[in-house]
Structure formats: structure tokens, C-alpha cells
Protein backbone atom coordinates (compact mmCIF):
# COMPACT_ATOMS: atom_id res chain seq x y z
CA MET A 1 56.03 -25.63 12.13
CA THR A 2 52.99 -23.14 12.70
CA ALA A 3 52.51 -21.06 10.55
CA ALA A 4 52.72 -18.04 12.47
CA ALA A 5 56.22 -19.43 12.76
CA THR A 6 57.16 -19.94 9.39
CA PRO A 7 59.88 -16.70 8.27
CA ARG A 8 58.04 -14.50 5.70
CA ALA A 9 58.96 -15.00 2.27
CA SER A 10 60.92 -12.02 -0.34
CA ALA A 11 58.39 -11.16 -3.09
CA ALA A 12 60.87 -11.73 -5.27
CA SER A 13 62.63 -15.13 -5.07
CA GLY A 14 59.81 -17.15 -2.87
CA ALA A 15 62.61 -17.24 -0.06
CA ALA A 16 62.31 -15.71 3.24
CA SER A 17 64.17 -12.45 3.43
CA LEU A 18 66.94 -11.71 5.86
CA GLU A 19 65.17 -9.53 8.08
CA SER A 20 62.32 -12.12 8.14
CA ILE A 21 65.22 -14.83 8.97
CA ARG A 22 66.90 -12.60 11.78
CA SER A 23 63.73 -12.36 13.08
CA HIS A 24 63.21 -15.75 14.59
CA PHE A 25 66.64 -15.79 16.53
CA PRO A 26 66.39 -13.67 20.10
CA ALA A 27 70.24 -13.87 20.59
CA LEU A 28 70.87 -11.56 17.91
CA ALA A 29 69.32 -8.95 20.11
CA ARG A 30 71.89 -8.88 22.36
CA VAL A 31 73.89 -6.06 23.25
CA HIS A 32 77.77 -5.95 23.97
CA ALA A 33 80.31 -3.17 23.86
CA GLY A 34 77.59 -1.06 22.72
CA HIS A 35 77.07 -3.18 19.60
CA SER A 36 74.47 -5.36 18.76
CA VAL A 37 76.27 -9.29 18.53
CA ALA A 38 77.86 -10.37 15.38
CA TYR A 39 77.90 -14.15 15.78
CA PHE A 40 80.65 -15.99 13.68
CA ASP A 41 80.35 -18.99 15.73
CA GLY A 42 78.55 -20.74 13.51
CA PRO A 43 80.94 -23.35 12.69
CA GLY A 44 81.28 -23.99 16.79
CA GLY A 45 77.66 -24.14 16.83
CA THR A 46 74.67 -21.61 15.38
CA GLN A 47 72.31 -19.81 17.42
CA VAL A 48 68.94 -21.16 17.69
CA PRO A 49 65.32 -20.15 16.29
CA THR A 50 62.24 -19.45 18.45
CA VAL A 51 60.79 -22.22 17.16
CA VAL A 52 63.05 -24.85 18.22
CA VAL A 53 62.90 -23.45 22.07
CA ASP A 54 59.29 -23.66 21.60
CA ALA A 55 59.44 -27.33 20.56
CA MET A 56 61.71 -28.40 22.89
CA ARG A 57 59.76 -26.64 25.97
CA GLU A 58 56.12 -28.22 24.43
CA TYR A 59 57.31 -31.56 24.34
CA LEU A 60 58.90 -31.52 28.00
CA LEU A 61 55.47 -29.34 29.54
CA HIS A 62 52.95 -31.05 27.79
CA HIS A 63 54.34 -34.83 26.53
CA ASN A 64 57.34 -35.82 28.50
CA ALA A 65 57.49 -39.71 29.46
CA ASN A 66 59.82 -42.24 28.53
CA SER A 67 59.20 -44.38 24.80
CA HIS A 68 57.20 -47.51 23.70
CA TRP A 69 54.66 -47.72 26.75
CA ASN A 70 51.14 -47.29 25.90
CA TYR A 71 49.45 -44.03 27.67
CA PRO A 72 49.21 -41.27 25.68
CA THR A 73 52.00 -39.47 27.16
CA SER A 74 54.36 -42.65 25.96
CA ILE A 75 52.56 -42.74 22.76
CA GLU A 76 53.51 -39.08 22.00
CA THR A 77 56.51 -39.26 22.73
CA ASP A 78 57.14 -42.37 20.07
CA THR A 79 55.56 -40.17 18.03
CA VAL A 80 57.86 -37.87 18.44
CA ILE A 81 61.00 -39.96 17.56
CA ASP A 82 58.97 -41.03 14.44
CA ALA A 83 58.52 -37.62 13.28
CA THR A 84 62.47 -36.65 13.74
CA ARG A 85 63.50 -39.90 11.78
CA ALA A 86 61.73 -38.54 8.99
CA ALA A 87 62.99 -35.16 9.15
CA ALA A 88 66.15 -36.83 9.45
CA ALA A 89 65.69 -38.95 6.23
CA ASP A 90 64.25 -35.86 4.39
CA PHE A 91 67.61 -33.75 5.58
CA LEU A 92 70.00 -36.82 4.25
CA ASN A 93 68.00 -38.12 1.90
CA ALA A 94 67.40 -41.27 3.21
CA GLU A 95 65.13 -43.79 4.60
CA PRO A 96 63.86 -43.63 8.06
CA ASN A 97 65.25 -46.97 9.07
CA GLU A 98 68.50 -45.41 8.22
CA VAL A 99 68.49 -42.85 10.97
CA ALA A 100 70.19 -43.41 14.64
CA PHE A 101 70.60 -40.81 17.12
CA GLY A 102 73.04 -40.29 19.68
CA ALA A 103 74.94 -37.75 22.23
CA ASN A 104 77.11 -36.27 19.54
CA MET A 105 78.83 -36.97 16.19
CA THR A 106 81.89 -38.02 18.27
CA THR A 107 79.59 -40.55 20.75
CA LEU A 108 78.20 -41.99 17.03
CA THR A 109 81.50 -41.97 15.70
CA PHE A 110 83.21 -44.06 18.70
CA ALA A 111 80.09 -46.88 19.26
CA LEU A 112 80.22 -47.26 14.95
CA SER A 113 84.11 -48.23 15.23
CA ARG A 114 83.73 -50.56 18.15
CA ALA A 115 80.63 -52.32 15.75
CA LEU A 116 83.18 -52.23 12.64
CA ALA A 117 86.17 -53.36 14.35
CA ARG A 118 84.36 -56.35 15.24
CA THR A 119 84.54 -57.32 11.77
CA MET A 120 88.44 -56.55 11.40
CA ALA A 121 91.07 -59.02 11.97
CA PRO A 122 94.67 -57.76 12.97
CA GLY A 123 96.80 -55.76 10.34
CA ASP A 124 92.91 -54.76 8.54
CA GLU A 125 93.76 -51.13 7.42
CA ILE A 126 91.61 -47.80 8.02
CA ILE A 127 92.66 -44.42 6.14
CA VAL A 128 91.87 -41.17 7.66
CA THR A 129 93.28 -37.77 6.33
CA GLU A 130 94.91 -35.06 7.92
CA LEU A 131 92.11 -32.49 7.00
CA ASP A 132 89.74 -34.08 9.43
CA HIS A 133 88.12 -33.26 13.41
CA HIS A 134 90.18 -35.12 15.79
CA ALA A 135 86.40 -36.86 16.10
CA ASN A 136 86.73 -38.66 12.82
CA VAL A 137 90.67 -39.43 13.83
CA ALA A 138 90.52 -40.63 17.53
CA PRO A 139 87.90 -43.23 17.16
CA TRP A 140 89.56 -45.03 14.53
CA VAL A 141 92.94 -44.95 16.22
CA ARG A 142 91.98 -46.49 19.33
CA LEU A 143 91.52 -49.57 17.19
CA VAL A 144 95.54 -49.91 16.53
CA ALA A 145 95.42 -50.62 20.41
CA GLU A 146 92.20 -52.87 20.62
CA ARG A 147 92.61 -54.55 17.33
CA GLY A 148 95.42 -54.73 16.00
CA VAL A 149 94.18 -51.94 12.71
CA ILE A 150 96.50 -50.24 11.20
CA ILE A 151 95.32 -46.37 10.40
CA LYS A 152 96.70 -44.76 7.21
CA THR A 153 97.22 -40.95 6.76
CA ALA A 154 96.35 -39.50 3.55
CA ARG A 155 98.20 -35.90 3.17
CA MET A 156 96.46 -32.76 2.93
CA ASP A 157 98.08 -29.87 0.47
CA THR A 158 98.67 -27.14 2.75
CA ALA A 159 99.20 -24.55 -0.46
CA SER A 160 95.45 -24.84 -0.92
CA GLY A 161 94.19 -26.55 2.20
CA ARG A 162 92.81 -29.40 0.23
CA LEU A 163 92.83 -33.00 0.04
CA ASP A 164 95.80 -34.61 -1.56
CA TRP A 165 93.98 -37.26 -4.27
CA ALA A 166 97.04 -38.63 -5.15
CA SER A 167 98.08 -39.57 -1.60
CA LEU A 168 94.93 -41.10 -0.43
CA GLU A 169 95.12 -43.19 -3.67
CA ARG A 170 98.31 -44.37 -2.42
CA GLN A 171 96.88 -45.58 0.92
CA PHE A 172 94.22 -48.17 -0.22
CA SER A 173 95.86 -51.86 -0.38
CA ALA A 174 93.94 -55.55 -0.16
CA ARG A 175 93.63 -54.93 3.55
CA THR A 176 91.74 -51.21 3.42
CA ARG A 177 88.40 -51.83 4.83
CA LEU A 178 87.28 -48.43 5.84
CA LEU A 179 87.85 -44.77 5.03
CA ALA A 180 86.79 -42.03 7.28
CA ILE A 181 86.56 -38.65 5.50
CA GLY A 182 85.36 -35.45 6.21
CA ALA A 183 82.92 -33.50 3.56
CA SER A 184 84.05 -30.03 4.52
CA SER A 185 86.86 -28.89 7.12
CA ASN A 186 85.37 -27.17 10.24
CA ALA A 187 88.98 -24.91 10.41
CA LEU A 188 89.43 -24.50 6.80
CA GLY A 189 85.77 -24.43 5.49
CA THR A 190 87.48 -26.63 2.60
CA VAL A 191 85.25 -29.10 0.45
CA THR A 192 86.07 -32.69 -0.28
CA ALA A 193 84.16 -34.53 -3.34
CA VAL A 194 83.30 -37.01 -0.78
CA ALA A 195 81.39 -39.14 -3.72
CA ARG A 196 84.21 -39.34 -5.64
CA ALA A 197 86.10 -40.72 -2.57
CA ALA A 198 83.39 -43.12 -1.39
CA GLU A 199 83.68 -44.56 -4.99
CA LEU A 200 87.01 -45.15 -4.57
CA ALA A 201 86.67 -46.52 -1.12
CA HIS A 202 84.17 -49.30 -2.95
CA SER A 203 86.47 -49.78 -5.84
CA HIS A 204 88.62 -51.30 -3.32
CA GLY A 205 86.38 -53.23 -1.53
CA ALA A 206 86.09 -51.09 1.54
CA ARG A 207 83.29 -49.07 3.18
CA ALA A 208 83.25 -45.52 2.92
CA PHE A 209 82.59 -43.19 6.50
CA VAL A 210 81.49 -39.46 5.96
CA ASP A 211 81.65 -36.69 8.15
CA ALA A 212 79.46 -34.12 7.29
CA VAL A 213 79.25 -32.17 10.62
CA ALA A 214 80.65 -29.41 9.13
CA TYR A 215 79.27 -29.76 5.39
CA ALA A 216 75.59 -29.87 6.52
CA PRO A 217 74.82 -26.54 7.48
CA HIS A 218 76.02 -25.10 4.35
CA SER A 219 75.01 -27.80 1.71
CA LEU A 220 72.62 -30.11 1.35
CA VAL A 221 73.38 -33.53 2.03
CA ASP A 222 72.64 -36.39 -0.07
CA VAL A 223 74.06 -39.86 1.29
CA ARG A 224 72.47 -41.63 -1.83
CA ALA A 225 74.23 -39.16 -4.43
CA ILE A 226 77.21 -39.61 -2.14
CA ASP A 227 76.61 -43.53 -1.85
CA CYS A 228 78.28 -43.60 1.66
CA ASP A 229 77.87 -46.62 3.70
CA PHE A 230 77.75 -44.10 6.71
CA LEU A 231 77.64 -40.78 7.76
CA ALA A 232 76.81 -38.22 10.63
CA CYS A 233 76.38 -34.65 11.73
CA SER A 234 75.32 -32.39 14.72
CA ALA A 235 71.50 -30.41 14.36
CA TYR A 236 73.11 -27.86 17.01
CA LYS A 237 75.28 -26.65 13.37
CA PHE A 238 72.52 -26.30 11.81
CA TYR A 239 70.30 -24.22 14.00
CA GLY A 240 69.29 -27.49 16.54
CA PRO A 241 69.76 -28.59 19.82
CA HIS A 242 72.61 -30.89 20.72
CA LEU A 243 71.87 -33.98 19.25
CA GLY A 244 74.11 -36.32 16.88
CA VAL A 245 72.59 -37.57 13.75
CA LEU A 246 73.89 -41.19 12.09
CA TYR A 247 72.84 -42.31 8.72
CA GLY A 248 74.06 -45.79 7.90
CA LYS A 249 72.58 -48.15 4.72
CA HIS A 250 69.70 -50.27 6.60
CA ALA A 251 71.76 -53.74 5.70
CA LEU A 252 74.67 -52.70 7.60
CA LEU A 253 73.09 -50.88 10.57
CA ALA A 254 70.80 -54.03 10.84
CA GLN A 255 73.85 -56.48 10.28
CA LEU A 256 76.27 -54.80 12.58
CA ASP A 257 77.68 -56.12 16.33
CA VAL A 258 76.72 -52.78 18.07
CA ALA A 259 76.99 -52.79 21.81
CA LYS A 260 73.87 -52.84 23.48
CA LEU A 261 71.53 -54.47 26.26
CA ALA A 262 70.21 -57.52 26.04
CA PRO A 263 66.53 -56.22 26.45
CA ALA A 264 66.77 -53.42 24.07
CA PRO A 265 65.36 -53.08 20.68
CA SER A 266 67.12 -55.19 18.49
CA GLN A 267 65.80 -54.00 14.95
CA ALA A 268 67.96 -51.16 13.40
CA PRO A 269 67.96 -48.41 13.84
CA ASP A 270 66.84 -48.53 17.39
CA ARG A 271 69.78 -51.11 18.31
CA TRP A 272 72.55 -48.23 17.96
CA GLU A 273 70.53 -45.58 20.43
CA THR A 274 71.93 -47.14 23.55
CA GLY A 275 69.60 -45.83 26.69
CA THR A 276 66.86 -43.25 26.58
CA LEU A 277 66.93 -40.79 23.96
CA ASN A 278 66.91 -37.34 24.40
CA PHE A 279 63.52 -36.35 23.20
CA GLU A 280 63.59 -32.71 23.41
CA ALA A 281 66.44 -32.80 21.81
CA LEU A 282 64.47 -34.84 18.88
CA ALA A 283 61.52 -32.74 19.22
CA GLY A 284 63.83 -29.81 19.07
CA THR A 285 65.68 -31.09 15.61
CA THR A 286 62.66 -31.64 13.92
CA ALA A 287 62.04 -27.95 14.73
CA ALA A 288 65.05 -27.03 13.22
CA ILE A 289 64.33 -28.81 9.62
CA ASP A 290 61.43 -27.72 9.29
CA PHE A 291 62.71 -23.97 10.10
CA LEU A 292 65.20 -24.38 7.38
CA ALA A 293 62.44 -25.92 4.93
CA ALA A 294 60.37 -22.73 5.48
CA LEU A 295 63.73 -20.47 4.39
CA GLY A 296 62.91 -21.77 0.44
CA ASP A 297 60.52 -21.77 -1.47
CA GLU A 298 56.96 -23.63 -0.62
CA THR A 299 55.88 -23.77 -3.75
CA VAL A 300 58.55 -25.85 -5.18
CA ALA A 301 58.02 -29.30 -6.58
CA GLY A 302 55.12 -29.71 -5.28
CA GLY A 303 56.25 -28.19 -1.52
CA SER A 304 58.01 -31.77 -0.46
CA ARG A 305 60.27 -30.90 2.69
CA ARG A 306 63.37 -32.29 1.09
CA ALA A 307 62.27 -30.01 -1.99
CA ARG A 308 61.67 -26.82 0.31
CA LEU A 309 65.27 -27.82 2.12
CA ALA A 310 66.61 -27.81 -1.77
CA SER A 311 65.38 -24.43 -2.43
CA THR A 312 66.76 -22.83 1.09
CA TYR A 313 70.33 -23.94 0.29
CA ASP A 314 70.06 -22.71 -3.02
CA ALA A 315 68.80 -19.81 -1.61
CA GLN A 316 71.30 -19.55 1.02
CA HIS A 317 74.25 -19.80 -1.21
CA GLU A 318 73.12 -17.21 -3.29
CA ARG A 319 73.16 -14.88 -0.52
CA THR A 320 75.98 -16.15 1.25
CA GLU A 321 78.46 -16.68 -1.47
CA PRO A 322 79.23 -12.89 -2.00
CA LEU A 323 78.77 -12.22 1.16
CA PHE A 324 81.67 -14.61 1.71
CA GLY A 325 83.20 -12.74 -0.40
CA ALA A 326 83.57 -9.38 0.82
CA LEU A 327 84.56 -11.30 3.92
CA TRP A 328 87.32 -13.15 2.72
CA ASP A 329 88.81 -10.04 0.10
CA GLY A 330 88.05 -7.53 3.33
CA LEU A 331 90.69 -9.67 5.73
CA ALA A 332 93.02 -10.09 2.94
CA SER A 333 93.36 -6.58 2.41
CA ILE A 334 94.64 -6.24 6.04
CA ARG A 335 98.34 -5.85 6.87
CA GLY A 336 100.21 -8.96 8.51
CA ILE A 337 97.24 -11.42 7.86
CA THR A 338 97.51 -14.73 6.71
CA LEU A 339 94.29 -16.98 5.54
CA TYR A 340 94.24 -20.01 5.30
CA GLY A 341 92.91 -22.45 2.33
CA ALA A 342 92.02 -21.53 -1.12
CA PRO A 343 89.88 -18.37 -1.89
CA PRO A 344 86.51 -18.81 -2.07
CA SER A 345 86.74 -18.16 -5.98
CA ASP A 346 89.36 -21.34 -6.23
CA ALA A 347 87.45 -24.05 -4.88
CA PRO A 348 84.41 -25.39 -3.56
CA ARG A 349 84.33 -24.40 0.24
CA SER A 350 81.76 -23.33 3.25
CA PRO A 351 81.65 -20.18 4.27
CA THR A 352 84.66 -20.59 7.17
CA VAL A 353 87.68 -18.53 7.19
CA ALA A 354 91.08 -19.28 9.78
CA PHE A 355 93.45 -17.01 10.08
CA THR A 356 96.21 -15.30 11.97
CA LEU A 357 97.82 -11.81 12.88
CA ALA A 358 101.52 -11.17 12.55
CA ASN A 359 102.55 -10.85 16.56
CA VAL A 360 99.24 -11.03 17.76
CA ASP A 361 97.81 -14.10 19.96
CA SER A 362 95.10 -15.27 18.09
CA ARG A 363 93.40 -15.31 21.70
CA ALA A 364 93.83 -11.70 22.17
CA VAL A 365 92.33 -10.96 18.66
CA ALA A 366 89.15 -12.69 20.03
CA ILE A 367 88.95 -11.11 22.82
CA ARG A 368 89.18 -7.36 21.57
CA LEU A 369 86.64 -8.04 18.64
CA ALA A 370 84.17 -9.13 21.73
CA ASN A 371 85.08 -6.50 23.97
CA GLU A 372 85.51 -3.79 21.07
CA PHE A 373 83.38 -4.54 18.47
CA GLY A 374 80.72 -6.74 19.68
CA VAL A 375 82.11 -9.62 17.51
CA PHE A 376 81.67 -13.08 18.72
CA VAL A 377 84.65 -15.04 17.31
CA PRO A 378 86.55 -18.43 18.65
CA ASN A 379 90.55 -19.01 18.65
CA GLY A 380 92.10 -22.44 19.08
CA ASP A 381 92.59 -25.53 16.77
CA PHE A 382 88.84 -26.80 16.74
CA TYR A 383 89.77 -30.28 17.42
CA ALA A 384 91.40 -30.44 13.68
CA ALA A 385 94.89 -31.17 15.36
CA THR A 386 96.58 -32.52 12.55
CA VAL A 387 95.91 -29.05 10.13
CA ALA A 388 97.28 -27.05 12.81
CA GLU A 389 100.21 -29.12 13.06
CA ARG A 390 100.37 -28.70 9.21
CA TYR A 391 100.63 -25.04 9.66
CA GLY A 392 102.43 -25.11 12.72
CA ILE A 393 99.73 -23.01 14.55
CA GLY A 394 100.87 -22.61 17.97
CA ARG A 395 98.58 -22.92 21.18
CA SER A 396 96.19 -19.82 20.34
CA GLY A 397 95.64 -21.29 17.14
CA TRP A 398 93.83 -19.44 14.45
CA VAL A 399 90.90 -16.82 14.64
CA ARG A 400 87.80 -18.78 13.27
CA ALA A 401 84.75 -17.05 11.51
CA GLY A 402 81.99 -18.47 9.94
CA CYS A 403 78.85 -16.87 8.14
CA ALA A 404 75.10 -18.17 9.25
CA CYS A 405 71.68 -17.63 7.51
CA TYR A 406 71.59 -14.71 9.91
CA THR A 407 74.80 -12.81 8.89
CA THR A 408 74.77 -9.27 7.38
CA ALA A 409 76.93 -7.37 5.30
CA GLU A 410 77.23 -4.92 8.58
CA GLU A 411 78.41 -7.87 10.22
CA VAL A 412 81.07 -8.69 7.98
CA GLU A 413 82.04 -5.03 7.59
CA ARG A 414 82.45 -4.58 11.40
CA LEU A 415 84.78 -7.99 11.44
CA VAL A 416 86.47 -6.56 9.24
CA SER A 417 87.51 -3.33 10.12
CA GLY A 418 87.76 -5.10 13.86
CA VAL A 419 90.16 -7.37 12.88
CA ARG A 420 91.91 -3.92 10.87
CA ALA A 421 92.01 -2.02 13.77
CA ILE A 422 93.72 -4.61 15.53
CA SER A 423 96.31 -5.12 12.69
CA ASP A 424 96.80 -1.14 12.84
CA ASP A 425 97.71 -1.22 16.54
CA GLU A 426 100.83 -3.46 16.04
């Protein structure tokens, strides 16, 4: 990232100011229904700073080529790949040779499930949880028909929206081969102690796969601290382009029998990247990670990218926690509303809330918020199908709102006021 693209720091904290952060997102200038658009759709995909678009444009206009050849633009493309592995490794606290890229988390998880299936026998068991996005359920369920694997499901506690740990512990047996678990619910914002879960899996001789898609935008991933065997996330959830990122312990990435073309590279992690990579998305992902690092205090710990990322996440937590608290409390005060999951004061969570209004279709709420208040929120089950089923959520699903690095107090107030107005009309 160039100095000109670096967000300006706040004199008080050394971290970037909200005004500075917002200046990097052209989407925030959009006006709808007479209002500046308030984007609360970040859990489905955040807005993108200019520096990310510039990096992708720069690659496509001046460096576009296939990889691993001997002319300059191809060599430059190899440099882009290496740079993104290094950036993603810093983001996850991994090594570059432990990071592979793909179209999205779902595609990568299907590839991983097929590779792991080749190590399993009929009757072997995989544990999933009711809290998870379907992308961390369906790839494993497919193995029931394909390999005779048994799927066990750990329950959630609907009162709190958290994992039922006693239920999880009951699922393990001598035949358990894998625990697939989410770090944060994409619907409820619930954060699960995945390091504890990975330790539990390893104590039974099983591997641990972590879905960190909804977690990574709000909490800094540390695969060493988690000690998971695999982890996946998506760059478009943390201000980047559509790209999936897979971490795996290098020995596992090297040993597993992954489907690949015979002439394709045989070394890890390249062997996991089927076909030609999306090089412009790689360039954009590096830019997104560098953008996040630039939001923190550049003087900490010698200014390493990982240390600056940690500083950024600390600063964002400090700002977002009271903001999300105000959002939760404001919504909770509205007549006829139901909020799902534990309040932010009761349990660790991402700044994401799912709610319904009595006697008002969630789709209608989303439409009115957009067209009357300029507030963009989605409705649905967000592929958290089992969570929706446990709560008896209908076809229109929840309304979901999530805070991002660019969310303001005024936007929170506008969202709350809009929901209150819709409720008062009923």
C-alpha cells in the first residue's frame, strides 16, 4: 500500500480515525431514498476500499499473465501469488506454505472433504454442529452417500444461541475422524471457543476443521493458538474481493490425496489450487490485508504486519463494542421485536444481530428500511439452515444487521429508528 492510500491515524490512539477509514470506501457516498446509504450487510460481504480496487486494476492493466513462465508479466504474477501467501499467512499466523486459495470457502471445503474422505472407512464419524453455516455441513454430509461416513451433530442451546458443549462431548467416539466447527455463527454472531473444540477433537484422535468466515472480519485469527488442522475464510468478508482462503498444517496439505490434474504442481500448497488462480483477486486480497494493517498503530512491535493487524483489531474492538451494544439495546427496546442469541454483555460475539418483528414479514422490513431510511440489511436464513429450523424461523427468515469498520453511531440510530417506525405502524 502506498503512503497516499494509508488511512490517517488518530492522534489520540495511533489508530485510524473513523472519518479516515470511511474516506476509503466510495460506496459510502451512495444516496438512496434521500439518505446516505448505511450498509449493515457486512456479514454477507463488506464494502471494498479504493486501494483494493486499485490493486486489482493495476494487476489487470499492467501485469496480467498466466503463472510460472519466464517472461516479465508471468514472473510478476508469480510475485503476486507469493505476496498474497505471505499476507494471508500473516493474517492467520501461519506459514506461507500452509495457505491455499480457491474460488470461495465452500469450494475449498468440498475439495477438503473429498481429500479427507479418502482417509476414511465406512462407519467412520464426522461431527458437525447445529450452529454452522451449511457450507460447513453439506460437504461432510455428502460423504454419507459417497463413503459410508456417519455424521453426528452437536446441539445448540437456543436460549443463548451458543454451542451445547455437553452435547458436543457426547458425539465423540473411537471412530471420530473429524470435527467441523464454526468460530462464529454467521446468523447469530455467536463466538465459539474453537481452541477448546480443537483440543477436544485431538484428545480423541480426530482432526479439527474451523470455518472462520464470519469470525475473521472481527477477531484476529491465530491458527497456532487454535491448533486446528484446517481453517477456511473468505476475503470478501474482510474488505477484499471474492476469494476463498484455506489454511492447513503443511504436512497434511502435502500428504492428503487431493484431486488435481496430473501435470499440475505436486507440492503443497499449490496442489490444492485446481486450474488457474484468480490473480487479480489475489492482488486485491493482499491490498485488503494491508489496508487492515494500516488501520492500526504502525509503531507497535516494530511495525510488523501481524503486529499492526493485532493493533487494528484491538482498536476496532474498542470502537465497535459500544456501537454494537447501542444497536442491541436500541433494538431490544422496540415493541414486538425478538433478538436471537445472547446479549453482547453475556457472551463473546461478533457485532452481528438477527431479529424478527411480530406480524411483519422480514422481507418487508428489509424493503422498508432500504426504501424509507437508506439502511441496507438482508433477510433470510443466510444458509444457517439448522439454526433457523431450531428457532422455527419461516421462509422470510431473520433480518440481519452487522457492524463493520465504517459503521457510524448515526447509522446505528437510523437503523433502530427505522425498525421502531415499522413496529409502530403495526
